[in-house]
């Protein structure tokens, strides 16, 4: 990040840093990344599933939302498949083919369908954390699917986040 105290995570420094970049950007659903990739069609935005999972986990742990466990478990299945691909040392082509199989498509369809119904269900009251998790997932839905487009893409950006954590923690201090 550029050390501009007025705009360190704003559009300008990120756009400047990525100027001329063509490729894939994997991140959370931060609005600046979404805006940047809309304006630059040479950049494909993959949103991290770990961020989605964490939001449902918080809703389950903190607000005791039982439905949140179902969403977390569905996402865990996506991770199980990714682990199997890693353990079996599949090539990127084989990973892409595995991600295209019916069980993954069915899991993703169920996640989307249940989330839409949950937000439209006027009889069921959810807490703020659950509503935030549902909206986060649905508002990022297209970008969440992008990891399936290429076997070299990953389901999340956790290794990168772990690598930069020491810099971001010290920056905040």
N, C-alpha and C. Protein backbone atom coordinates (compact mmCIF):
# COMPACT_ATOMS: atom_id res chain seq x y z
N UNK A 1 0.83 -1.19 0.00
CA UNK A 1 0.00 0.00 0.00
C UNK A 1 0.87 1.25 0.00
N UNK A 2 0.39 2.21 -0.68
CA UNK A 2 1.05 3.50 -0.68
C UNK A 2 0.72 4.18 0.64
N UNK A 3 1.65 4.86 1.21
CA UNK A 3 1.41 5.50 2.50
C UNK A 3 0.81 6.89 2.33
N UNK A 4 -0.32 6.95 1.73
CA UNK A 4 -1.09 8.18 1.61
C UNK A 4 -2.18 8.09 2.67
N UNK A 5 -2.02 8.82 3.74
CA UNK A 5 -2.93 8.66 4.87
C UNK A 5 -4.37 8.98 4.53
N UNK A 6 -4.60 9.70 3.45
CA UNK A 6 -5.97 10.04 3.07
C UNK A 6 -6.58 9.02 2.11
N UNK A 7 -5.77 8.15 1.52
CA UNK A 7 -6.30 7.28 0.47
C UNK A 7 -5.51 5.99 0.33
N UNK A 8 -5.02 5.42 1.41
CA UNK A 8 -4.12 4.27 1.29
C UNK A 8 -4.79 3.03 0.70
N UNK A 9 -6.08 2.85 0.91
CA UNK A 9 -6.77 1.69 0.36
C UNK A 9 -7.83 2.12 -0.65
N UNK A 10 -7.75 3.34 -1.12
CA UNK A 10 -8.71 3.83 -2.08
C UNK A 10 -8.40 3.39 -3.49
N UNK A 11 -9.22 3.83 -4.40
CA UNK A 11 -9.09 3.45 -5.80
C UNK A 11 -7.78 3.91 -6.41
N UNK A 12 -7.38 5.14 -6.15
CA UNK A 12 -6.22 5.73 -6.82
C UNK A 12 -4.93 4.95 -6.61
N UNK A 13 -4.50 4.64 -5.38
CA UNK A 13 -3.24 3.90 -5.24
C UNK A 13 -3.31 2.47 -5.78
N UNK A 14 -4.46 1.82 -5.64
CA UNK A 14 -4.59 0.46 -6.16
C UNK A 14 -4.57 0.47 -7.68
N UNK A 15 -5.29 1.40 -8.27
CA UNK A 15 -5.31 1.53 -9.73
C UNK A 15 -3.93 1.86 -10.26
N UNK A 16 -3.23 2.74 -9.58
CA UNK A 16 -1.88 3.11 -9.99
C UNK A 16 -0.93 1.91 -9.89
N UNK A 17 -1.03 1.18 -8.80
CA UNK A 17 -0.17 0.02 -8.59
C UNK A 17 -0.40 -1.05 -9.66
N UNK A 18 -1.65 -1.25 -10.03
CA UNK A 18 -2.00 -2.29 -11.00
C UNK A 18 -2.06 -1.77 -12.44
N UNK A 19 -1.61 -0.55 -12.64
CA UNK A 19 -1.63 0.04 -13.98
C UNK A 19 -0.92 -0.87 -14.98
N UNK A 20 -1.61 -1.22 -16.04
CA UNK A 20 -1.04 -2.06 -17.08
C UNK A 20 -1.11 -3.55 -16.79
N UNK A 21 -1.57 -3.92 -15.60
CA UNK A 21 -1.66 -5.34 -15.24
C UNK A 21 -2.76 -6.02 -16.04
N UNK A 22 -2.45 -7.21 -16.52
CA UNK A 22 -3.43 -8.07 -17.18
C UNK A 22 -3.31 -9.44 -16.53
N UNK A 23 -4.39 -9.94 -16.03
CA UNK A 23 -4.34 -11.24 -15.38
C UNK A 23 -5.46 -11.41 -14.39
N UNK A 24 -5.19 -12.15 -13.34
CA UNK A 24 -6.20 -12.47 -12.35
C UNK A 24 -5.86 -11.83 -11.01
N UNK A 25 -6.85 -11.22 -10.41
CA UNK A 25 -6.73 -10.60 -9.10
C UNK A 25 -7.62 -11.40 -8.16
N UNK A 26 -7.02 -11.95 -7.11
CA UNK A 26 -7.80 -12.70 -6.13
C UNK A 26 -7.77 -11.92 -4.83
N UNK A 27 -8.96 -11.64 -4.32
CA UNK A 27 -9.06 -10.79 -3.13
C UNK A 27 -10.39 -11.04 -2.44
N UNK A 28 -10.63 -10.22 -1.43
CA UNK A 28 -11.95 -10.20 -0.82
C UNK A 28 -12.86 -9.37 -1.72
N UNK A 29 -14.04 -9.06 -1.25
CA UNK A 29 -15.01 -8.34 -2.08
C UNK A 29 -14.93 -6.83 -1.88
N UNK A 30 -13.79 -6.34 -1.48
CA UNK A 30 -13.60 -4.90 -1.28
C UNK A 30 -14.03 -4.16 -2.55
N UNK A 31 -14.84 -3.16 -2.38
CA UNK A 31 -15.48 -2.47 -3.49
C UNK A 31 -14.48 -1.89 -4.49
N UNK A 32 -13.32 -1.47 -4.04
CA UNK A 32 -12.33 -0.89 -4.95
C UNK A 32 -11.84 -1.94 -5.95
N UNK A 33 -11.62 -3.18 -5.49
CA UNK A 33 -11.19 -4.23 -6.40
C UNK A 33 -12.28 -4.55 -7.42
N UNK A 34 -13.51 -4.55 -6.96
CA UNK A 34 -14.63 -4.82 -7.87
C UNK A 34 -14.75 -3.72 -8.91
N UNK A 35 -14.60 -2.47 -8.47
CA UNK A 35 -14.67 -1.34 -9.39
C UNK A 35 -13.52 -1.40 -10.41
N UNK A 36 -12.34 -1.69 -9.92
CA UNK A 36 -11.16 -1.75 -10.78
C UNK A 36 -11.32 -2.80 -11.88
N UNK A 37 -11.78 -3.98 -11.50
CA UNK A 37 -11.89 -5.06 -12.48
C UNK A 37 -13.05 -4.82 -13.45
N UNK A 38 -14.05 -4.06 -13.04
CA UNK A 38 -15.12 -3.70 -13.99
C UNK A 38 -14.60 -2.74 -15.04
N UNK A 39 -13.71 -1.84 -14.63
CA UNK A 39 -13.18 -0.84 -15.55
C UNK A 39 -12.03 -1.37 -16.40
N UNK A 40 -11.45 -2.49 -16.00
CA UNK A 40 -10.32 -3.08 -16.72
C UNK A 40 -10.66 -4.53 -17.08
N UNK A 41 -11.22 -4.74 -18.26
CA UNK A 41 -11.65 -6.10 -18.64
C UNK A 41 -10.50 -7.10 -18.78
N UNK A 42 -9.26 -6.62 -18.79
CA UNK A 42 -8.11 -7.53 -18.85
C UNK A 42 -7.78 -8.14 -17.49
N UNK A 43 -8.51 -7.73 -16.46
CA UNK A 43 -8.30 -8.27 -15.12
C UNK A 43 -9.53 -9.09 -14.73
N UNK A 44 -9.29 -10.35 -14.39
CA UNK A 44 -10.35 -11.22 -13.91
C UNK A 44 -10.31 -11.20 -12.39
N UNK A 45 -11.44 -10.96 -11.77
CA UNK A 45 -11.51 -10.89 -10.31
C UNK A 45 -12.05 -12.19 -9.75
N UNK A 46 -11.26 -12.86 -8.94
CA UNK A 46 -11.68 -14.05 -8.21
C UNK A 46 -11.82 -13.65 -6.74
N UNK A 47 -13.00 -13.82 -6.22
CA UNK A 47 -13.21 -13.50 -4.81
C UNK A 47 -12.99 -14.75 -3.96
N UNK A 48 -12.35 -14.54 -2.86
CA UNK A 48 -11.91 -15.59 -1.94
C UNK A 48 -13.09 -16.22 -1.19
N UNK A 49 -13.22 -17.55 -1.31
CA UNK A 49 -14.28 -18.27 -0.61
C UNK A 49 -14.03 -18.32 0.90
N UNK A 50 -12.80 -18.19 1.34
CA UNK A 50 -12.53 -18.22 2.79
C UNK A 50 -13.20 -17.04 3.49
N UNK A 51 -13.27 -15.90 2.82
CA UNK A 51 -13.95 -14.74 3.41
C UNK A 51 -15.44 -15.02 3.58
N UNK A 52 -16.04 -15.67 2.60
CA UNK A 52 -17.46 -16.02 2.68
C UNK A 52 -17.67 -17.01 3.83
N UNK A 53 -16.84 -18.03 3.86
CA UNK A 53 -16.97 -19.05 4.90
C UNK A 53 -16.83 -18.43 6.30
N UNK A 54 -15.88 -17.52 6.45
CA UNK A 54 -15.66 -16.89 7.76
C UNK A 54 -16.90 -16.11 8.21
N UNK A 55 -17.56 -15.46 7.28
CA UNK A 55 -18.76 -14.70 7.66
C UNK A 55 -19.87 -15.62 8.16
N UNK A 56 -20.03 -16.77 7.52
CA UNK A 56 -21.03 -17.72 8.01
C UNK A 56 -20.58 -18.35 9.34
N UNK A 57 -19.30 -18.58 9.49
CA UNK A 57 -18.79 -19.12 10.75
C UNK A 57 -19.04 -18.14 11.89
N UNK A 58 -18.81 -16.85 11.66
CA UNK A 58 -19.09 -15.85 12.70
C UNK A 58 -20.57 -15.82 13.03
N UNK A 59 -21.41 -15.88 12.02
CA UNK A 59 -22.85 -15.87 12.27
C UNK A 59 -23.26 -17.08 13.11
N UNK A 60 -22.61 -18.20 12.87
CA UNK A 60 -22.92 -19.41 13.64
C UNK A 60 -22.39 -19.29 15.07
N UNK A 61 -21.14 -18.88 15.22
CA UNK A 61 -20.52 -18.84 16.55
C UNK A 61 -21.07 -17.71 17.42
N UNK A 62 -21.21 -16.54 16.84
CA UNK A 62 -21.57 -15.36 17.63
C UNK A 62 -23.07 -15.21 17.79
N UNK A 63 -23.80 -15.36 16.69
CA UNK A 63 -25.25 -15.15 16.73
C UNK A 63 -26.03 -16.45 16.89
N UNK A 64 -25.33 -17.56 16.91
CA UNK A 64 -25.97 -18.88 17.07
C UNK A 64 -26.99 -19.15 15.96
N UNK A 65 -26.70 -18.68 14.76
CA UNK A 65 -27.57 -18.90 13.60
C UNK A 65 -27.34 -20.33 13.10
N UNK A 66 -28.30 -21.20 13.34
CA UNK A 66 -28.16 -22.61 12.94
C UNK A 66 -28.04 -22.75 11.43
N UNK A 67 -28.74 -21.93 10.68
CA UNK A 67 -28.68 -22.01 9.22
C UNK A 67 -27.27 -21.70 8.70
N UNK A 68 -26.53 -20.89 9.43
CA UNK A 68 -25.18 -20.53 8.99
C UNK A 68 -24.28 -21.76 8.91
N UNK A 69 -24.51 -22.73 9.78
CA UNK A 69 -23.71 -23.96 9.75
C UNK A 69 -23.92 -24.71 8.44
N UNK A 70 -25.14 -24.69 7.91
CA UNK A 70 -25.40 -25.36 6.63
C UNK A 70 -24.57 -24.73 5.53
N UNK A 71 -24.53 -23.40 5.45
CA UNK A 71 -23.74 -22.71 4.42
C UNK A 71 -22.25 -23.01 4.60
N UNK A 72 -21.79 -22.95 5.82
CA UNK A 72 -20.38 -23.26 6.10
C UNK A 72 -20.05 -24.68 5.65
N UNK A 73 -20.94 -25.62 5.92
CA UNK A 73 -20.69 -27.01 5.54
C UNK A 73 -20.66 -27.19 4.02
N UNK A 74 -21.50 -26.46 3.32
CA UNK A 74 -21.48 -26.53 1.85
C UNK A 74 -20.15 -25.99 1.31
N UNK A 75 -19.70 -24.91 1.89
CA UNK A 75 -18.41 -24.33 1.47
C UNK A 75 -17.28 -25.28 1.85
N UNK A 76 -17.40 -25.94 2.99
CA UNK A 76 -16.40 -26.93 3.38
C UNK A 76 -16.28 -28.04 2.34
N UNK A 77 -17.41 -28.39 1.71
CA UNK A 77 -17.35 -29.42 0.67
C UNK A 77 -16.50 -28.93 -0.51
N UNK A 78 -16.65 -27.66 -0.88
CA UNK A 78 -15.82 -27.11 -1.96
C UNK A 78 -14.34 -27.23 -1.59
N UNK A 79 -14.02 -26.96 -0.34
CA UNK A 79 -12.64 -27.07 0.14
C UNK A 79 -12.17 -28.53 0.17
N UNK A 80 -13.06 -29.44 0.48
CA UNK A 80 -12.70 -30.85 0.47
C UNK A 80 -12.26 -31.27 -0.94
N UNK A 81 -13.00 -30.86 -1.92
CA UNK A 81 -12.66 -31.17 -3.31
C UNK A 81 -11.31 -30.55 -3.67
N UNK A 82 -11.09 -29.31 -3.25
CA UNK A 82 -9.80 -28.66 -3.53
C UNK A 82 -8.66 -29.43 -2.86
N UNK A 83 -8.88 -29.91 -1.65
CA UNK A 83 -7.86 -30.70 -0.94
C UNK A 83 -7.56 -31.99 -1.68
N UNK A 84 -8.60 -32.63 -2.18
CA UNK A 84 -8.40 -33.87 -2.93
C UNK A 84 -7.57 -33.61 -4.19
N UNK A 85 -7.83 -32.49 -4.85
CA UNK A 85 -7.05 -32.14 -6.04
C UNK A 85 -5.59 -31.94 -5.68
N UNK A 86 -5.34 -31.29 -4.57
CA UNK A 86 -3.98 -31.04 -4.11
C UNK A 86 -3.27 -32.35 -3.73
N UNK A 87 -3.94 -33.15 -2.93
CA UNK A 87 -3.36 -34.41 -2.47
C UNK A 87 -3.05 -35.33 -3.64
N UNK A 88 -3.93 -35.35 -4.63
CA UNK A 88 -3.73 -36.21 -5.79
C UNK A 88 -2.84 -35.56 -6.86
N UNK A 89 -2.32 -34.38 -6.55
CA UNK A 89 -1.40 -33.67 -7.44
C UNK A 89 -1.95 -33.55 -8.86
N UNK A 90 -3.21 -33.15 -8.96
CA UNK A 90 -3.84 -33.01 -10.27
C UNK A 90 -3.23 -31.83 -11.03
N UNK A 91 -3.19 -31.97 -12.33
CA UNK A 91 -2.72 -30.88 -13.18
C UNK A 91 -3.79 -29.80 -13.22
N UNK A 92 -3.44 -28.59 -13.61
CA UNK A 92 -4.46 -27.53 -13.72
C UNK A 92 -5.65 -27.92 -14.61
N UNK A 93 -5.39 -28.63 -15.70
CA UNK A 93 -6.50 -29.06 -16.57
C UNK A 93 -7.43 -30.02 -15.84
N UNK A 94 -6.86 -30.94 -15.08
CA UNK A 94 -7.68 -31.90 -14.35
C UNK A 94 -8.42 -31.22 -13.19
N UNK A 95 -7.80 -30.24 -12.58
CA UNK A 95 -8.47 -29.48 -11.51
C UNK A 95 -9.68 -28.75 -12.09
N UNK A 96 -9.49 -28.11 -13.22
CA UNK A 96 -10.60 -27.39 -13.87
C UNK A 96 -11.74 -28.37 -14.18
N UNK A 97 -11.41 -29.52 -14.73
CA UNK A 97 -12.43 -30.52 -15.04
C UNK A 97 -13.14 -31.00 -13.78
N UNK A 98 -12.38 -31.17 -12.70
CA UNK A 98 -12.99 -31.62 -11.44
C UNK A 98 -13.96 -30.57 -10.93
N UNK A 99 -13.59 -29.31 -11.04
CA UNK A 99 -14.45 -28.22 -10.57
C UNK A 99 -15.71 -28.08 -11.42
N UNK A 100 -15.69 -28.60 -12.62
CA UNK A 100 -16.85 -28.52 -13.52
C UNK A 100 -17.85 -29.65 -13.30
N UNK A 101 -17.51 -30.61 -12.45
CA UNK A 101 -18.38 -31.77 -12.25
C UNK A 101 -19.68 -31.37 -11.53
N UNK A 102 -20.64 -32.26 -11.69
CA UNK A 102 -22.00 -32.02 -11.20
C UNK A 102 -22.07 -31.75 -9.70
N UNK A 103 -21.28 -32.45 -8.90
CA UNK A 103 -21.38 -32.25 -7.44
C UNK A 103 -21.01 -30.82 -7.04
N UNK A 104 -20.01 -30.25 -7.72
CA UNK A 104 -19.62 -28.86 -7.42
C UNK A 104 -20.70 -27.91 -7.91
N UNK A 105 -21.19 -28.14 -9.12
CA UNK A 105 -22.26 -27.30 -9.66
C UNK A 105 -23.49 -27.37 -8.77
N UNK A 106 -23.85 -28.56 -8.33
CA UNK A 106 -25.01 -28.73 -7.44
C UNK A 106 -24.80 -28.01 -6.10
N UNK A 107 -23.60 -28.11 -5.55
CA UNK A 107 -23.30 -27.43 -4.28
C UNK A 107 -23.42 -25.93 -4.44
N UNK A 108 -22.85 -25.40 -5.50
CA UNK A 108 -22.92 -23.95 -5.74
C UNK A 108 -24.35 -23.50 -6.00
N UNK A 109 -25.09 -24.28 -6.76
CA UNK A 109 -26.49 -23.95 -7.02
C UNK A 109 -27.29 -23.94 -5.73
N UNK A 110 -27.06 -24.92 -4.88
CA UNK A 110 -27.77 -24.97 -3.60
C UNK A 110 -27.43 -23.77 -2.73
N UNK A 111 -26.17 -23.40 -2.68
CA UNK A 111 -25.76 -22.22 -1.90
C UNK A 111 -26.50 -20.98 -2.39
N UNK A 112 -26.49 -20.77 -3.69
CA UNK A 112 -27.12 -19.58 -4.27
C UNK A 112 -28.64 -19.60 -4.04
N UNK A 113 -29.26 -20.72 -4.35
CA UNK A 113 -30.71 -20.83 -4.22
C UNK A 113 -31.17 -20.64 -2.78
N UNK A 114 -30.51 -21.30 -1.86
CA UNK A 114 -30.88 -21.17 -0.44
C UNK A 114 -30.68 -19.74 0.06
N UNK A 115 -29.60 -19.11 -0.36
CA UNK A 115 -29.33 -17.74 0.09
C UNK A 115 -30.40 -16.77 -0.43
N UNK A 116 -30.76 -16.91 -1.69
CA UNK A 116 -31.81 -16.03 -2.24
C UNK A 116 -33.13 -16.23 -1.51
N UNK A 117 -33.48 -17.49 -1.28
CA UNK A 117 -34.73 -17.79 -0.57
C UNK A 117 -34.68 -17.26 0.85
N UNK A 118 -33.53 -17.40 1.50
CA UNK A 118 -33.39 -16.96 2.89
C UNK A 118 -33.62 -15.46 3.01
N UNK A 119 -33.08 -14.70 2.07
CA UNK A 119 -33.26 -13.25 2.14
C UNK A 119 -34.67 -12.81 1.77
N UNK A 120 -35.36 -13.62 0.99
CA UNK A 120 -36.73 -13.28 0.60
C UNK A 120 -37.77 -13.80 1.59
N UNK A 121 -37.37 -14.70 2.48
CA UNK A 121 -38.29 -15.30 3.44
C UNK A 121 -38.63 -14.31 4.54
N UNK A 122 -39.81 -13.77 4.47
CA UNK A 122 -40.25 -12.76 5.45
C UNK A 122 -40.61 -13.39 6.80
N UNK A 123 -40.89 -14.68 6.81
CA UNK A 123 -41.26 -15.34 8.05
C UNK A 123 -40.08 -15.68 8.94
N UNK A 124 -38.89 -15.72 8.37
CA UNK A 124 -37.69 -16.09 9.12
C UNK A 124 -36.88 -14.85 9.42
N UNK A 125 -36.55 -14.65 10.65
CA UNK A 125 -35.75 -13.49 11.06
C UNK A 125 -34.31 -13.93 11.30
N UNK A 126 -33.41 -13.27 10.61
CA UNK A 126 -31.99 -13.53 10.80
C UNK A 126 -31.35 -12.34 11.47
N UNK A 127 -30.26 -12.61 12.19
CA UNK A 127 -29.49 -11.54 12.80
C UNK A 127 -28.64 -10.82 11.75
N UNK A 128 -28.06 -9.73 12.17
CA UNK A 128 -27.25 -8.92 11.26
C UNK A 128 -26.09 -9.69 10.64
N UNK A 129 -25.39 -10.53 11.42
CA UNK A 129 -24.25 -11.26 10.89
C UNK A 129 -24.66 -12.23 9.79
N UNK A 130 -25.80 -12.87 9.96
CA UNK A 130 -26.28 -13.81 8.95
C UNK A 130 -26.69 -13.06 7.68
N UNK A 131 -27.37 -11.96 7.84
CA UNK A 131 -27.78 -11.16 6.68
C UNK A 131 -26.54 -10.64 5.95
N UNK A 132 -25.55 -10.20 6.70
CA UNK A 132 -24.30 -9.74 6.08
C UNK A 132 -23.62 -10.86 5.30
N UNK A 133 -23.59 -12.05 5.87
CA UNK A 133 -22.95 -13.19 5.20
C UNK A 133 -23.70 -13.53 3.91
N UNK A 134 -25.00 -13.57 3.98
CA UNK A 134 -25.81 -13.88 2.79
C UNK A 134 -25.60 -12.83 1.70
N UNK A 135 -25.66 -11.57 2.08
CA UNK A 135 -25.48 -10.49 1.10
C UNK A 135 -24.06 -10.48 0.53
N UNK A 136 -23.08 -10.70 1.36
CA UNK A 136 -21.69 -10.74 0.90
C UNK A 136 -21.54 -11.81 -0.18
N UNK A 137 -22.08 -12.98 0.09
CA UNK A 137 -21.96 -14.07 -0.87
C UNK A 137 -22.72 -13.76 -2.15
N UNK A 138 -23.96 -13.33 -2.03
CA UNK A 138 -24.77 -13.09 -3.23
C UNK A 138 -24.24 -11.91 -4.05
N UNK A 139 -23.80 -10.86 -3.38
CA UNK A 139 -23.28 -9.69 -4.10
C UNK A 139 -21.96 -9.98 -4.81
N UNK A 140 -21.29 -11.06 -4.43
CA UNK A 140 -20.01 -11.44 -5.02
C UNK A 140 -20.12 -12.71 -5.86
N UNK A 141 -21.32 -13.13 -6.12
CA UNK A 141 -21.54 -14.46 -6.69
C UNK A 141 -20.76 -14.72 -7.97
N UNK A 142 -20.83 -13.81 -8.92
CA UNK A 142 -20.13 -14.05 -10.20
C UNK A 142 -18.63 -14.19 -10.00
N UNK A 143 -18.05 -13.33 -9.18
CA UNK A 143 -16.61 -13.37 -8.94
C UNK A 143 -16.21 -14.60 -8.12
N UNK A 144 -17.11 -15.10 -7.29
CA UNK A 144 -16.84 -16.32 -6.53
C UNK A 144 -16.75 -17.54 -7.45
N UNK A 145 -17.42 -17.50 -8.58
CA UNK A 145 -17.40 -18.61 -9.54
C UNK A 145 -16.13 -18.63 -10.38
N UNK A 146 -15.42 -17.53 -10.43
CA UNK A 146 -14.29 -17.41 -11.35
C UNK A 146 -13.14 -18.38 -11.08
N UNK A 147 -13.02 -18.87 -9.84
CA UNK A 147 -11.94 -19.82 -9.56
C UNK A 147 -12.10 -21.10 -10.37
N UNK A 148 -13.30 -21.37 -10.86
CA UNK A 148 -13.57 -22.58 -11.66
C UNK A 148 -13.08 -22.45 -13.10
N UNK A 149 -12.74 -21.26 -13.52
CA UNK A 149 -12.39 -21.03 -14.93
C UNK A 149 -11.01 -21.55 -15.31
N UNK A 150 -10.16 -21.77 -14.34
CA UNK A 150 -8.79 -22.19 -14.64
C UNK A 150 -8.26 -22.97 -13.45
N UNK A 151 -7.70 -24.12 -13.70
CA UNK A 151 -7.18 -24.97 -12.63
C UNK A 151 -6.00 -24.37 -11.89
N UNK A 152 -5.41 -23.30 -12.43
CA UNK A 152 -4.30 -22.64 -11.74
C UNK A 152 -4.82 -21.66 -10.68
N UNK A 153 -6.07 -21.28 -10.77
CA UNK A 153 -6.64 -20.37 -9.78
C UNK A 153 -6.91 -21.15 -8.51
N UNK A 154 -6.90 -20.45 -7.41
CA UNK A 154 -7.17 -21.09 -6.12
C UNK A 154 -8.52 -20.66 -5.59
N UNK A 155 -9.04 -21.42 -4.67
CA UNK A 155 -10.35 -21.14 -4.10
C UNK A 155 -10.30 -19.95 -3.12
N UNK A 156 -9.11 -19.65 -2.62
CA UNK A 156 -8.98 -18.52 -1.70
C UNK A 156 -7.60 -17.89 -1.83
N UNK A 157 -7.44 -16.77 -1.16
CA UNK A 157 -6.15 -16.06 -1.20
C UNK A 157 -5.46 -16.08 0.16
N UNK A 158 -5.73 -17.09 0.96
CA UNK A 158 -5.17 -17.13 2.32
C UNK A 158 -3.65 -17.17 2.36
N UNK A 159 -2.97 -17.91 1.47
CA UNK A 159 -1.50 -17.86 1.53
C UNK A 159 -0.96 -16.44 1.35
N UNK A 160 -1.54 -15.68 0.44
CA UNK A 160 -1.10 -14.31 0.23
C UNK A 160 -1.41 -13.44 1.45
N UNK A 161 -2.56 -13.64 2.03
CA UNK A 161 -2.93 -12.84 3.21
C UNK A 161 -2.01 -13.15 4.39
N UNK A 162 -1.66 -14.41 4.55
CA UNK A 162 -0.73 -14.76 5.63
C UNK A 162 0.64 -14.13 5.39
N UNK A 163 1.05 -14.09 4.13
CA UNK A 163 2.37 -13.53 3.79
C UNK A 163 2.45 -12.03 4.06
N UNK A 164 1.35 -11.31 3.85
CA UNK A 164 1.40 -9.85 4.05
C UNK A 164 0.96 -9.42 5.44
N UNK A 165 0.45 -10.36 6.24
CA UNK A 165 -0.04 -10.00 7.58
C UNK A 165 0.99 -9.23 8.41
N UNK A 166 2.27 -9.62 8.46
CA UNK A 166 3.22 -8.86 9.26
C UNK A 166 3.33 -7.38 8.83
N UNK A 167 3.20 -7.14 7.54
CA UNK A 167 3.30 -5.76 7.04
C UNK A 167 2.05 -4.96 7.38
N UNK A 168 0.90 -5.58 7.25
CA UNK A 168 -0.33 -4.86 7.51
C UNK A 168 -0.56 -4.62 8.99
N UNK A 169 -0.15 -5.56 9.83
CA UNK A 169 -0.28 -5.37 11.27
C UNK A 169 0.63 -4.22 11.72
N UNK A 170 1.86 -4.21 11.25
CA UNK A 170 2.78 -3.14 11.66
C UNK A 170 2.33 -1.80 11.08
N UNK A 171 1.69 -1.84 9.90
CA UNK A 171 1.20 -0.58 9.31
C UNK A 171 0.10 0.01 10.19
N UNK A 172 -0.77 -0.84 10.72
CA UNK A 172 -1.84 -0.35 11.57
C UNK A 172 -1.31 0.17 12.90
N UNK A 173 -0.25 -0.45 13.41
CA UNK A 173 0.34 -0.01 14.67
C UNK A 173 1.05 1.32 14.48
